Amino acid sequence: MTQRSLYVDADVWDRVKVQAAKMKKSVNELINEFLWNLAYSEEMQKLEYDYQGLKKDFIRLVKETRHIVATLKELGVYDEITGLAFKLGLKEDLSNIGEIIPKLTLEWTDQDSLIVFIDLLETSKQKRIVADAITRVVAKKYLSHEGQGNAVQSPVAAAHSVQGAGSVSEVRMQRADEDPRPQVS
């Protein structure tokens, strides 16, 4: 950290010391917070704008995936087609849907439910992408402000600590304990 000198009116300094004490902070902490907010206010406004847009997208995608899952369940094929997709090698992170969809088209005969399932895969993948983007924005927004004394963590660690889980694998293990069938959503 670089030291800088500031010239402040004595009366202002005395008043700030009183306010800082009431807030259980040092004058230096208050000055650093103020300067940090001043320096990064435009960036923080952009992050907030990005965050609000991403949240709306995520909520829309959650609703879409739930609707598609409900449709597949109404058709009575959700468990069977999901099981087949995982049997064909679908990865949990959906990173290989481009490889799995052609295999599904060869194995699955009902074209209507296949199209709905492909929509589920694509929508679920998009939802994961948006969730990852939200995690990155949240990390920047809340965890990278050194002047506030917050620890800087990786976005994944931050997201999982907020969720009360230690890691991605722990979340997956908890899900596996709840329902042994593979889920796409």
N, C-alpha and C. Protein backbone atom coordinates (compact mmCIF):
# COMPACT_ATOMS: atom_id res chain seq x y z
N MET A 1 0.85 -1.17 0.00
CA MET A 1 0.00 0.00 0.00
C MET A 1 0.89 1.23 0.00
N THR A 2 0.52 2.23 -0.77
CA THR A 2 1.27 3.47 -0.86
C THR A 2 0.69 4.48 0.10
N GLN A 3 1.56 5.20 0.79
CA GLN A 3 1.09 6.22 1.72
C GLN A 3 0.96 7.54 0.98
N ARG A 4 -0.10 8.25 1.27
CA ARG A 4 -0.35 9.56 0.71
C ARG A 4 -0.72 10.49 1.86
N SER A 5 -0.38 11.75 1.72
CA SER A 5 -0.72 12.75 2.73
C SER A 5 -1.94 13.53 2.27
N LEU A 6 -2.82 13.79 3.20
CA LEU A 6 -4.00 14.61 2.94
C LEU A 6 -3.99 15.77 3.92
N TYR A 7 -4.45 16.91 3.45
CA TYR A 7 -4.59 18.07 4.31
C TYR A 7 -6.07 18.28 4.56
N VAL A 8 -6.45 18.18 5.84
CA VAL A 8 -7.85 18.27 6.22
C VAL A 8 -7.98 19.33 7.30
N ASP A 9 -9.02 20.13 7.21
CA ASP A 9 -9.30 21.14 8.21
C ASP A 9 -9.41 20.46 9.59
N ALA A 10 -8.87 21.05 10.62
CA ALA A 10 -8.84 20.46 11.96
C ALA A 10 -10.24 20.16 12.48
N ASP A 11 -11.19 21.07 12.24
CA ASP A 11 -12.56 20.86 12.70
C ASP A 11 -13.20 19.65 11.98
N VAL A 12 -12.95 19.55 10.69
CA VAL A 12 -13.47 18.42 9.91
C VAL A 12 -12.87 17.12 10.44
N TRP A 13 -11.56 17.14 10.70
CA TRP A 13 -10.88 15.93 11.20
C TRP A 13 -11.49 15.48 12.52
N ASP A 14 -11.73 16.42 13.42
CA ASP A 14 -12.31 16.08 14.73
C ASP A 14 -13.71 15.47 14.58
N ARG A 15 -14.50 16.05 13.71
CA ARG A 15 -15.85 15.52 13.49
C ARG A 15 -15.80 14.12 12.86
N VAL A 16 -14.88 13.92 11.92
CA VAL A 16 -14.76 12.62 11.27
C VAL A 16 -14.31 11.57 12.28
N LYS A 17 -13.40 11.93 13.18
CA LYS A 17 -12.95 10.96 14.20
C LYS A 17 -14.13 10.50 15.06
N VAL A 18 -15.01 11.43 15.40
CA VAL A 18 -16.18 11.09 16.22
C VAL A 18 -17.10 10.14 15.44
N GLN A 19 -17.37 10.49 14.18
CA GLN A 19 -18.22 9.64 13.36
C GLN A 19 -17.61 8.26 13.16
N ALA A 20 -16.30 8.22 12.92
CA ALA A 20 -15.61 6.93 12.71
C ALA A 20 -15.73 6.08 13.96
N ALA A 21 -15.56 6.67 15.11
CA ALA A 21 -15.66 5.93 16.37
C ALA A 21 -17.07 5.35 16.54
N LYS A 22 -18.10 6.15 16.18
CA LYS A 22 -19.48 5.65 16.27
C LYS A 22 -19.70 4.45 15.35
N MET A 23 -18.99 4.44 14.22
CA MET A 23 -19.12 3.36 13.25
C MET A 23 -18.15 2.22 13.53
N LYS A 24 -17.36 2.37 14.60
CA LYS A 24 -16.35 1.37 14.96
C LYS A 24 -15.35 1.15 13.81
N LYS A 25 -14.94 2.26 13.21
CA LYS A 25 -13.96 2.25 12.14
C LYS A 25 -12.94 3.34 12.39
N SER A 26 -11.82 3.21 11.70
CA SER A 26 -10.82 4.27 11.78
C SER A 26 -11.11 5.31 10.70
N VAL A 27 -10.56 6.49 10.89
CA VAL A 27 -10.70 7.53 9.87
C VAL A 27 -10.09 7.04 8.56
N ASN A 28 -8.97 6.35 8.66
CA ASN A 28 -8.31 5.81 7.47
C ASN A 28 -9.24 4.86 6.71
N GLU A 29 -9.97 3.99 7.41
CA GLU A 29 -10.91 3.07 6.76
C GLU A 29 -12.01 3.85 6.04
N LEU A 30 -12.54 4.88 6.70
CA LEU A 30 -13.60 5.67 6.07
C LEU A 30 -13.10 6.38 4.81
N ILE A 31 -11.90 6.92 4.89
CA ILE A 31 -11.32 7.60 3.72
C ILE A 31 -11.09 6.61 2.59
N ASN A 32 -10.53 5.44 2.92
CA ASN A 32 -10.30 4.43 1.90
C ASN A 32 -11.61 3.98 1.25
N GLU A 33 -12.65 3.77 2.04
CA GLU A 33 -13.95 3.38 1.51
C GLU A 33 -14.50 4.45 0.57
N PHE A 34 -14.43 5.69 1.01
CA PHE A 34 -14.94 6.78 0.18
C PHE A 34 -14.18 6.86 -1.13
N LEU A 35 -12.86 6.80 -1.06
CA LEU A 35 -12.04 6.90 -2.27
C LEU A 35 -12.25 5.70 -3.19
N TRP A 36 -12.39 4.52 -2.60
CA TRP A 36 -12.64 3.32 -3.41
C TRP A 36 -13.96 3.47 -4.15
N ASN A 37 -15.01 3.89 -3.44
CA ASN A 37 -16.33 4.08 -4.07
C ASN A 37 -16.27 5.13 -5.16
N LEU A 38 -15.54 6.20 -4.92
CA LEU A 38 -15.39 7.25 -5.92
C LEU A 38 -14.65 6.72 -7.15
N ALA A 39 -13.59 5.98 -6.95
CA ALA A 39 -12.77 5.48 -8.05
C ALA A 39 -13.49 4.42 -8.87
N TYR A 40 -14.32 3.61 -8.23
CA TYR A 40 -14.94 2.47 -8.91
C TYR A 40 -16.44 2.60 -9.10
N SER A 41 -17.00 3.77 -8.89
CA SER A 41 -18.46 3.90 -8.94
C SER A 41 -19.01 3.54 -10.32
N GLU A 42 -18.37 3.96 -11.41
CA GLU A 42 -18.87 3.63 -12.75
C GLU A 42 -18.81 2.12 -12.98
N GLU A 43 -17.70 1.50 -12.57
CA GLU A 43 -17.56 0.06 -12.73
C GLU A 43 -18.62 -0.68 -11.91
N MET A 44 -18.87 -0.21 -10.71
CA MET A 44 -19.86 -0.86 -9.85
C MET A 44 -21.27 -0.68 -10.44
N GLN A 45 -21.55 0.48 -11.04
CA GLN A 45 -22.86 0.67 -11.67
C GLN A 45 -23.02 -0.29 -12.85
N LYS A 46 -21.96 -0.48 -13.64
CA LYS A 46 -22.02 -1.41 -14.76
C LYS A 46 -22.23 -2.83 -14.25
N LEU A 47 -21.51 -3.20 -13.18
CA LEU A 47 -21.70 -4.54 -12.60
C LEU A 47 -23.15 -4.73 -12.13
N GLU A 48 -23.70 -3.70 -11.52
CA GLU A 48 -25.09 -3.80 -11.03
C GLU A 48 -26.05 -3.97 -12.21
N TYR A 49 -25.80 -3.23 -13.29
CA TYR A 49 -26.63 -3.35 -14.48
C TYR A 49 -26.52 -4.76 -15.06
N ASP A 50 -25.28 -5.25 -15.19
CA ASP A 50 -25.05 -6.61 -15.69
C ASP A 50 -25.75 -7.63 -14.79
N TYR A 51 -25.61 -7.45 -13.50
CA TYR A 51 -26.17 -8.37 -12.52
C TYR A 51 -27.69 -8.44 -12.65
N GLN A 52 -28.34 -7.29 -12.76
CA GLN A 52 -29.80 -7.26 -12.86
C GLN A 52 -30.27 -7.97 -14.13
N GLY A 53 -29.58 -7.74 -15.24
CA GLY A 53 -29.94 -8.40 -16.49
C GLY A 53 -29.74 -9.90 -16.42
N LEU A 54 -28.62 -10.32 -15.84
CA LEU A 54 -28.35 -11.75 -15.71
C LEU A 54 -29.38 -12.43 -14.81
N LYS A 55 -29.76 -11.76 -13.72
CA LYS A 55 -30.78 -12.34 -12.84
C LYS A 55 -32.09 -12.56 -13.57
N LYS A 56 -32.50 -11.59 -14.38
CA LYS A 56 -33.74 -11.73 -15.14
C LYS A 56 -33.63 -12.90 -16.12
N ASP A 57 -32.49 -12.99 -16.81
CA ASP A 57 -32.29 -14.11 -17.73
C ASP A 57 -32.34 -15.44 -17.00
N PHE A 58 -31.69 -15.51 -15.85
CA PHE A 58 -31.65 -16.75 -15.09
C PHE A 58 -33.05 -17.19 -14.65
N ILE A 59 -33.80 -16.25 -14.13
CA ILE A 59 -35.16 -16.57 -13.67
C ILE A 59 -36.01 -17.07 -14.85
N ARG A 60 -35.88 -16.41 -16.00
CA ARG A 60 -36.61 -16.84 -17.19
C ARG A 60 -36.20 -18.26 -17.59
N LEU A 61 -34.90 -18.54 -17.55
CA LEU A 61 -34.42 -19.87 -17.94
C LEU A 61 -34.85 -20.95 -16.94
N VAL A 62 -34.89 -20.61 -15.66
CA VAL A 62 -35.37 -21.56 -14.65
C VAL A 62 -36.83 -21.92 -14.94
N LYS A 63 -37.63 -20.91 -15.22
CA LYS A 63 -39.04 -21.17 -15.53
C LYS A 63 -39.17 -22.02 -16.79
N GLU A 64 -38.38 -21.70 -17.81
CA GLU A 64 -38.43 -22.48 -19.05
C GLU A 64 -38.06 -23.94 -18.81
N THR A 65 -36.96 -24.18 -18.06
CA THR A 65 -36.54 -25.57 -17.83
C THR A 65 -37.60 -26.32 -17.04
N ARG A 66 -38.20 -25.69 -16.06
CA ARG A 66 -39.26 -26.35 -15.29
C ARG A 66 -40.45 -26.70 -16.18
N HIS A 67 -40.81 -25.79 -17.07
CA HIS A 67 -41.92 -26.04 -17.99
C HIS A 67 -41.59 -27.20 -18.93
N ILE A 68 -40.37 -27.22 -19.44
CA ILE A 68 -39.98 -28.29 -20.37
C ILE A 68 -39.95 -29.64 -19.65
N VAL A 69 -39.41 -29.67 -18.43
CA VAL A 69 -39.39 -30.92 -17.65
C VAL A 69 -40.83 -31.39 -17.41
N ALA A 70 -41.71 -30.46 -17.05
CA ALA A 70 -43.11 -30.83 -16.82
C ALA A 70 -43.74 -31.41 -18.09
N THR A 71 -43.41 -30.82 -19.22
CA THR A 71 -43.94 -31.33 -20.50
C THR A 71 -43.46 -32.75 -20.76
N LEU A 72 -42.17 -32.98 -20.54
CA LEU A 72 -41.62 -34.33 -20.75
C LEU A 72 -42.24 -35.34 -19.77
N LYS A 73 -42.49 -34.90 -18.56
CA LYS A 73 -43.13 -35.79 -17.58
C LYS A 73 -44.57 -36.08 -17.97
N GLU A 74 -45.27 -35.07 -18.50
CA GLU A 74 -46.64 -35.29 -18.99
C GLU A 74 -46.65 -36.31 -20.11
N LEU A 75 -45.64 -36.25 -20.97
CA LEU A 75 -45.53 -37.20 -22.07
C LEU A 75 -45.10 -38.59 -21.57
N GLY A 76 -44.67 -38.64 -20.31
CA GLY A 76 -44.27 -39.90 -19.70
C GLY A 76 -42.91 -40.41 -20.16
N VAL A 77 -42.04 -39.51 -20.63
CA VAL A 77 -40.76 -39.95 -21.17
C VAL A 77 -39.55 -39.34 -20.47
N TYR A 78 -39.77 -38.46 -19.50
CA TYR A 78 -38.66 -37.73 -18.89
C TYR A 78 -37.57 -38.66 -18.35
N ASP A 79 -37.95 -39.58 -17.49
CA ASP A 79 -36.95 -40.46 -16.87
C ASP A 79 -36.24 -41.32 -17.92
N GLU A 80 -36.99 -41.84 -18.87
CA GLU A 80 -36.41 -42.73 -19.87
C GLU A 80 -35.44 -41.99 -20.80
N ILE A 81 -35.83 -40.84 -21.30
CA ILE A 81 -34.97 -40.12 -22.24
C ILE A 81 -33.76 -39.52 -21.52
N THR A 82 -33.96 -39.06 -20.30
CA THR A 82 -32.83 -38.55 -19.51
C THR A 82 -31.84 -39.67 -19.23
N GLY A 83 -32.34 -40.81 -18.83
CA GLY A 83 -31.48 -41.97 -18.58
C GLY A 83 -30.70 -42.37 -19.81
N LEU A 84 -31.37 -42.36 -20.96
CA LEU A 84 -30.70 -42.69 -22.22
C LEU A 84 -29.60 -41.69 -22.52
N ALA A 85 -29.88 -40.42 -22.32
CA ALA A 85 -28.86 -39.39 -22.61
C ALA A 85 -27.62 -39.60 -21.75
N PHE A 86 -27.81 -39.89 -20.48
CA PHE A 86 -26.66 -40.14 -19.61
C PHE A 86 -25.97 -41.45 -19.98
N LYS A 87 -26.75 -42.44 -20.38
CA LYS A 87 -26.16 -43.72 -20.82
C LYS A 87 -25.30 -43.51 -22.06
N LEU A 88 -25.71 -42.59 -22.92
CA LEU A 88 -24.95 -42.29 -24.13
C LEU A 88 -23.74 -41.39 -23.86
N GLY A 89 -23.58 -40.98 -22.61
CA GLY A 89 -22.37 -40.22 -22.24
C GLY A 89 -22.57 -38.75 -21.94
N LEU A 90 -23.81 -38.31 -21.76
CA LEU A 90 -24.05 -36.90 -21.44
C LEU A 90 -23.32 -36.54 -20.15
N LYS A 91 -22.56 -35.46 -20.19
CA LYS A 91 -21.84 -35.00 -19.00
C LYS A 91 -22.77 -34.13 -18.16
N GLU A 92 -22.53 -34.13 -16.85
CA GLU A 92 -23.35 -33.34 -15.94
C GLU A 92 -23.34 -31.87 -16.27
N ASP A 93 -22.19 -31.37 -16.73
CA ASP A 93 -22.11 -29.94 -17.05
C ASP A 93 -22.68 -29.61 -18.43
N LEU A 94 -23.18 -30.62 -19.13
CA LEU A 94 -23.81 -30.48 -20.44
C LEU A 94 -22.87 -29.96 -21.52
N SER A 95 -21.59 -30.09 -21.29
CA SER A 95 -20.60 -29.55 -22.23
C SER A 95 -20.54 -30.35 -23.53
N ASN A 96 -21.13 -31.52 -23.55
CA ASN A 96 -21.04 -32.36 -24.75
C ASN A 96 -22.39 -32.63 -25.41
N ILE A 97 -23.33 -31.70 -25.28
CA ILE A 97 -24.65 -31.96 -25.88
C ILE A 97 -24.55 -32.06 -27.41
N GLY A 98 -23.58 -31.39 -28.00
CA GLY A 98 -23.40 -31.49 -29.44
C GLY A 98 -23.03 -32.89 -29.90
N GLU A 99 -22.39 -33.65 -29.03
CA GLU A 99 -22.05 -35.04 -29.34
C GLU A 99 -23.22 -35.98 -29.04
N ILE A 100 -23.99 -35.65 -28.03
CA ILE A 100 -25.06 -36.55 -27.57
C ILE A 100 -26.31 -36.45 -28.44
N ILE A 101 -26.65 -35.26 -28.90
CA ILE A 101 -27.89 -35.08 -29.67
C ILE A 101 -27.92 -35.99 -30.91
N PRO A 102 -26.85 -36.07 -31.71
CA PRO A 102 -26.92 -37.00 -32.85
C PRO A 102 -27.14 -38.47 -32.43
N LYS A 103 -26.51 -38.85 -31.32
CA LYS A 103 -26.70 -40.22 -30.83
C LYS A 103 -28.15 -40.45 -30.40
N LEU A 104 -28.73 -39.42 -29.74
CA LEU A 104 -30.13 -39.53 -29.31
C LEU A 104 -31.06 -39.67 -30.50
N THR A 105 -30.78 -38.94 -31.57
CA THR A 105 -31.66 -39.02 -32.74
C THR A 105 -31.66 -40.41 -33.36
N LEU A 106 -30.55 -41.13 -33.20
CA LEU A 106 -30.49 -42.50 -33.72
C LEU A 106 -31.19 -43.50 -32.80
N GLU A 107 -31.19 -43.20 -31.50
CA GLU A 107 -31.73 -44.14 -30.50
C GLU A 107 -33.20 -43.89 -30.16
N TRP A 108 -33.65 -42.65 -30.21
CA TRP A 108 -34.98 -42.30 -29.72
C TRP A 108 -35.93 -42.17 -30.91
N THR A 109 -37.04 -42.86 -30.87
CA THR A 109 -37.93 -42.90 -32.04
C THR A 109 -39.01 -41.82 -32.04
N ASP A 110 -39.46 -41.38 -30.88
CA ASP A 110 -40.53 -40.37 -30.80
C ASP A 110 -39.94 -38.98 -31.05
N GLN A 111 -40.15 -38.45 -32.24
CA GLN A 111 -39.55 -37.19 -32.64
C GLN A 111 -40.05 -36.01 -31.80
N ASP A 112 -41.33 -36.00 -31.44
CA ASP A 112 -41.88 -34.88 -30.66
C ASP A 112 -41.17 -34.75 -29.31
N SER A 113 -41.09 -35.85 -28.58
CA SER A 113 -40.44 -35.78 -27.27
C SER A 113 -38.94 -35.55 -27.41
N LEU A 114 -38.33 -36.03 -28.48
CA LEU A 114 -36.91 -35.79 -28.73
C LEU A 114 -36.65 -34.29 -28.90
N ILE A 115 -37.49 -33.62 -29.67
CA ILE A 115 -37.33 -32.18 -29.89
C ILE A 115 -37.49 -31.42 -28.58
N VAL A 116 -38.46 -31.82 -27.78
CA VAL A 116 -38.66 -31.17 -26.48
C VAL A 116 -37.44 -31.41 -25.58
N PHE A 117 -36.88 -32.64 -25.61
CA PHE A 117 -35.72 -32.94 -24.79
C PHE A 117 -34.49 -32.16 -25.25
N ILE A 118 -34.31 -32.02 -26.55
CA ILE A 118 -33.19 -31.21 -27.07
C ILE A 118 -33.33 -29.77 -26.60
N ASP A 119 -34.56 -29.26 -26.60
CA ASP A 119 -34.81 -27.91 -26.08
C ASP A 119 -34.41 -27.84 -24.61
N LEU A 120 -34.73 -28.88 -23.85
CA LEU A 120 -34.34 -28.91 -22.44
C LEU A 120 -32.82 -28.86 -22.29
N LEU A 121 -32.11 -29.66 -23.08
CA LEU A 121 -30.65 -29.66 -23.00
C LEU A 121 -30.08 -28.28 -23.32
N GLU A 122 -30.56 -27.67 -24.39
CA GLU A 122 -30.05 -26.35 -24.80
C GLU A 122 -30.38 -25.28 -23.77
N THR A 123 -31.60 -25.31 -23.26
CA THR A 123 -32.01 -24.31 -22.26
C THR A 123 -31.24 -24.51 -20.96
N SER A 124 -31.05 -25.77 -20.56
CA SER A 124 -30.30 -26.06 -19.33
C SER A 124 -28.85 -25.60 -19.45
N LYS A 125 -28.27 -25.82 -20.62
CA LYS A 125 -26.88 -25.38 -20.83
C LYS A 125 -26.80 -23.86 -20.75
N GLN A 126 -27.74 -23.17 -21.37
CA GLN A 126 -27.76 -21.71 -21.31
C GLN A 126 -27.93 -21.23 -19.87
N LYS A 127 -28.78 -21.92 -19.10
CA LYS A 127 -29.00 -21.56 -17.70
C LYS A 127 -27.70 -21.69 -16.91
N ARG A 128 -26.93 -22.73 -17.17
CA ARG A 128 -25.64 -22.91 -16.48
C ARG A 128 -24.66 -21.81 -16.86
N ILE A 129 -24.66 -21.41 -18.12
CA ILE A 129 -23.77 -20.33 -18.57
C ILE A 129 -24.12 -19.03 -17.85
N VAL A 130 -25.41 -18.73 -17.77
CA VAL A 130 -25.85 -17.51 -17.09
C VAL A 130 -25.53 -17.60 -15.60
N ALA A 131 -25.72 -18.76 -14.99
CA ALA A 131 -25.41 -18.93 -13.56
C ALA A 131 -23.92 -18.69 -13.32
N ASP A 132 -23.07 -19.19 -14.20
CA ASP A 132 -21.62 -18.95 -14.06
C ASP A 132 -21.31 -17.47 -14.19
N ALA A 133 -21.97 -16.79 -15.12
CA ALA A 133 -21.75 -15.35 -15.30
C ALA A 133 -22.20 -14.59 -14.05
N ILE A 134 -23.33 -14.98 -13.47
CA ILE A 134 -23.80 -14.34 -12.24
C ILE A 134 -22.77 -14.53 -11.13
N THR A 135 -22.24 -15.72 -11.02
CA THR A 135 -21.24 -16.00 -9.98
C THR A 135 -20.03 -15.09 -10.15
N ARG A 136 -19.58 -14.91 -11.39
CA ARG A 136 -18.43 -14.02 -11.62
C ARG A 136 -18.75 -12.57 -11.26
N VAL A 137 -19.94 -12.10 -11.64
CA VAL A 137 -20.33 -10.73 -11.33
C VAL A 137 -20.47 -10.54 -9.83
N VAL A 138 -21.07 -11.51 -9.16
CA VAL A 138 -21.23 -11.42 -7.71
C VAL A 138 -19.86 -11.36 -7.03
N ALA A 139 -18.93 -12.15 -7.51
CA ALA A 139 -17.58 -12.14 -6.94
C ALA A 139 -16.94 -10.77 -7.11
N LYS A 140 -17.08 -10.19 -8.28
CA LYS A 140 -16.52 -8.85 -8.50
C LYS A 140 -17.23 -7.82 -7.65
N LYS A 141 -18.54 -7.94 -7.60
CA LYS A 141 -19.36 -6.94 -6.92
C LYS A 141 -19.16 -6.95 -5.41
N TYR A 142 -19.08 -8.14 -4.82
CA TYR A 142 -19.07 -8.22 -3.36
C TYR A 142 -17.75 -8.66 -2.75
N LEU A 143 -16.90 -9.32 -3.50
CA LEU A 143 -15.75 -9.94 -2.86
C LEU A 143 -14.40 -9.34 -3.23
N SER A 144 -14.33 -8.46 -4.19
CA SER A 144 -13.02 -7.97 -4.61
C SER A 144 -12.69 -6.59 -4.08
N HIS A 145 -13.50 -6.04 -3.25
CA HIS A 145 -13.26 -4.70 -2.71
C HIS A 145 -12.31 -4.78 -1.52
N GLU A 146 -11.05 -4.57 -1.79
CA GLU A 146 -10.02 -4.69 -0.74
C GLU A 146 -10.20 -3.64 0.34
N GLY A 147 -10.66 -2.48 -0.03
CA GLY A 147 -10.83 -1.41 0.94
C GLY A 147 -11.89 -1.71 1.98
N GLN A 148 -12.77 -2.64 1.71
CA GLN A 148 -13.83 -2.97 2.65
C GLN A 148 -13.43 -4.11 3.57
N GLY A 149 -12.26 -4.68 3.35
CA GLY A 149 -11.81 -5.75 4.22
C GLY A 149 -12.39 -7.10 3.88
N ASN A 150 -13.08 -7.22 2.74
CA ASN A 150 -13.63 -8.51 2.35
C ASN A 150 -12.54 -9.37 1.75
N ALA A 151 -12.58 -10.65 2.05
CA ALA A 151 -11.61 -11.57 1.48
C ALA A 151 -11.93 -11.78 0.01
N VAL A 152 -10.91 -11.84 -0.80
CA VAL A 152 -11.10 -12.12 -2.21
C VAL A 152 -11.08 -13.62 -2.38
N GLN A 153 -12.15 -14.19 -2.93
CA GLN A 153 -12.26 -15.62 -3.13
C GLN A 153 -12.52 -15.89 -4.60
N SER A 154 -12.38 -17.12 -4.97
CA SER A 154 -12.78 -17.48 -6.33
C SER A 154 -14.29 -17.40 -6.40
N PRO A 155 -14.86 -17.10 -7.58
CA PRO A 155 -16.31 -17.02 -7.70
C PRO A 155 -17.01 -18.31 -7.30
N VAL A 156 -16.43 -19.45 -7.65
CA VAL A 156 -17.06 -20.73 -7.32
C VAL A 156 -17.09 -20.92 -5.80
N ALA A 157 -15.97 -20.64 -5.14
CA ALA A 157 -15.92 -20.78 -3.69
C ALA A 157 -16.92 -19.83 -3.03
N ALA A 158 -17.02 -18.62 -3.57
CA ALA A 158 -17.95 -17.65 -3.01
C ALA A 158 -19.38 -18.14 -3.14
N ALA A 159 -19.73 -18.60 -4.31
CA ALA A 159 -21.11 -19.05 -4.54
C ALA A 159 -21.45 -20.22 -3.63
N HIS A 160 -20.54 -21.14 -3.48
CA HIS A 160 -20.84 -22.31 -2.66
C HIS A 160 -20.82 -21.99 -1.18
N SER A 161 -20.01 -21.01 -0.76
CA SER A 161 -20.05 -20.65 0.64
C SER A 161 -21.38 -19.96 0.95
N VAL A 162 -21.91 -19.20 0.01
CA VAL A 162 -23.22 -18.58 0.19
C VAL A 162 -24.30 -19.65 0.28
N GLN A 163 -24.15 -20.70 -0.52
CA GLN A 163 -25.14 -21.78 -0.51
C GLN A 163 -24.96 -22.71 0.68
N GLY A 164 -23.90 -22.55 1.43
CA GLY A 164 -23.67 -23.41 2.58
C GLY A 164 -23.01 -24.72 2.22
N ALA A 165 -22.44 -24.83 1.05
CA ALA A 165 -21.74 -26.05 0.64
C ALA A 165 -20.28 -25.71 0.44
N GLY A 166 -19.44 -26.67 0.67
CA GLY A 166 -18.01 -26.43 0.57
C GLY A 166 -17.47 -26.48 -0.83
N SER A 167 -18.08 -27.24 -1.71
CA SER A 167 -17.53 -27.37 -3.05
C SER A 167 -18.60 -27.87 -4.00
N VAL A 168 -18.27 -27.79 -5.28
CA VAL A 168 -19.18 -28.28 -6.30
C VAL A 168 -19.44 -29.77 -6.10
N SER A 169 -18.38 -30.52 -5.79
CA SER A 169 -18.55 -31.97 -5.62
C SER A 169 -19.45 -32.28 -4.42
N GLU A 170 -19.38 -31.48 -3.36
CA GLU A 170 -20.27 -31.71 -2.22
C GLU A 170 -21.73 -31.48 -2.61
N VAL A 171 -21.97 -30.43 -3.41
CA VAL A 171 -23.34 -30.16 -3.86
C VAL A 171 -23.83 -31.33 -4.69
N ARG A 172 -22.99 -31.84 -5.59
CA ARG A 172 -23.39 -32.97 -6.42
C ARG A 172 -23.64 -34.21 -5.58
N MET A 173 -22.80 -34.43 -4.55
CA MET A 173 -22.99 -35.60 -3.68
C MET A 173 -24.32 -35.47 -2.93
N GLN A 174 -24.64 -34.25 -2.47
CA GLN A 174 -25.91 -34.04 -1.77
C GLN A 174 -27.07 -34.34 -2.72
N ARG A 175 -26.97 -33.89 -3.96
CA ARG A 175 -28.04 -34.15 -4.93
C ARG A 175 -28.15 -35.63 -5.21
N ALA A 176 -27.03 -36.31 -5.32
CA ALA A 176 -27.04 -37.75 -5.59
C ALA A 176 -27.71 -38.51 -4.45
N ASP A 177 -27.47 -38.05 -3.21
CA ASP A 177 -28.10 -38.70 -2.06
C ASP A 177 -29.62 -38.50 -2.09
N GLU A 178 -30.06 -37.32 -2.57
CA GLU A 178 -31.49 -37.03 -2.59
C GLU A 178 -32.23 -37.83 -3.64
N ASP A 179 -31.65 -37.96 -4.83
CA ASP A 179 -32.33 -38.63 -5.95
C ASP A 179 -31.26 -39.31 -6.80
N PRO A 180 -31.23 -40.62 -6.80
CA PRO A 180 -30.16 -41.33 -7.53
C PRO A 180 -30.28 -41.23 -9.04
N ARG A 181 -31.41 -40.84 -9.58
CA ARG A 181 -31.55 -40.73 -11.03
C ARG A 181 -30.85 -39.48 -11.52
N PRO A 182 -30.22 -39.52 -12.69
CA PRO A 182 -29.62 -38.31 -13.25
C PRO A 182 -30.72 -37.30 -13.58
N GLN A 183 -30.43 -36.05 -13.38
CA GLN A 183 -31.41 -34.99 -13.65
C GLN A 183 -30.81 -34.01 -14.65
N VAL A 184 -31.62 -33.54 -15.53
CA VAL A 184 -31.23 -32.49 -16.46
C VAL A 184 -32.17 -31.32 -16.18
N SER A 185 -31.63 -30.23 -15.78
CA SER A 185 -32.44 -29.02 -15.59
C SER A 185 -31.56 -27.84 -15.38
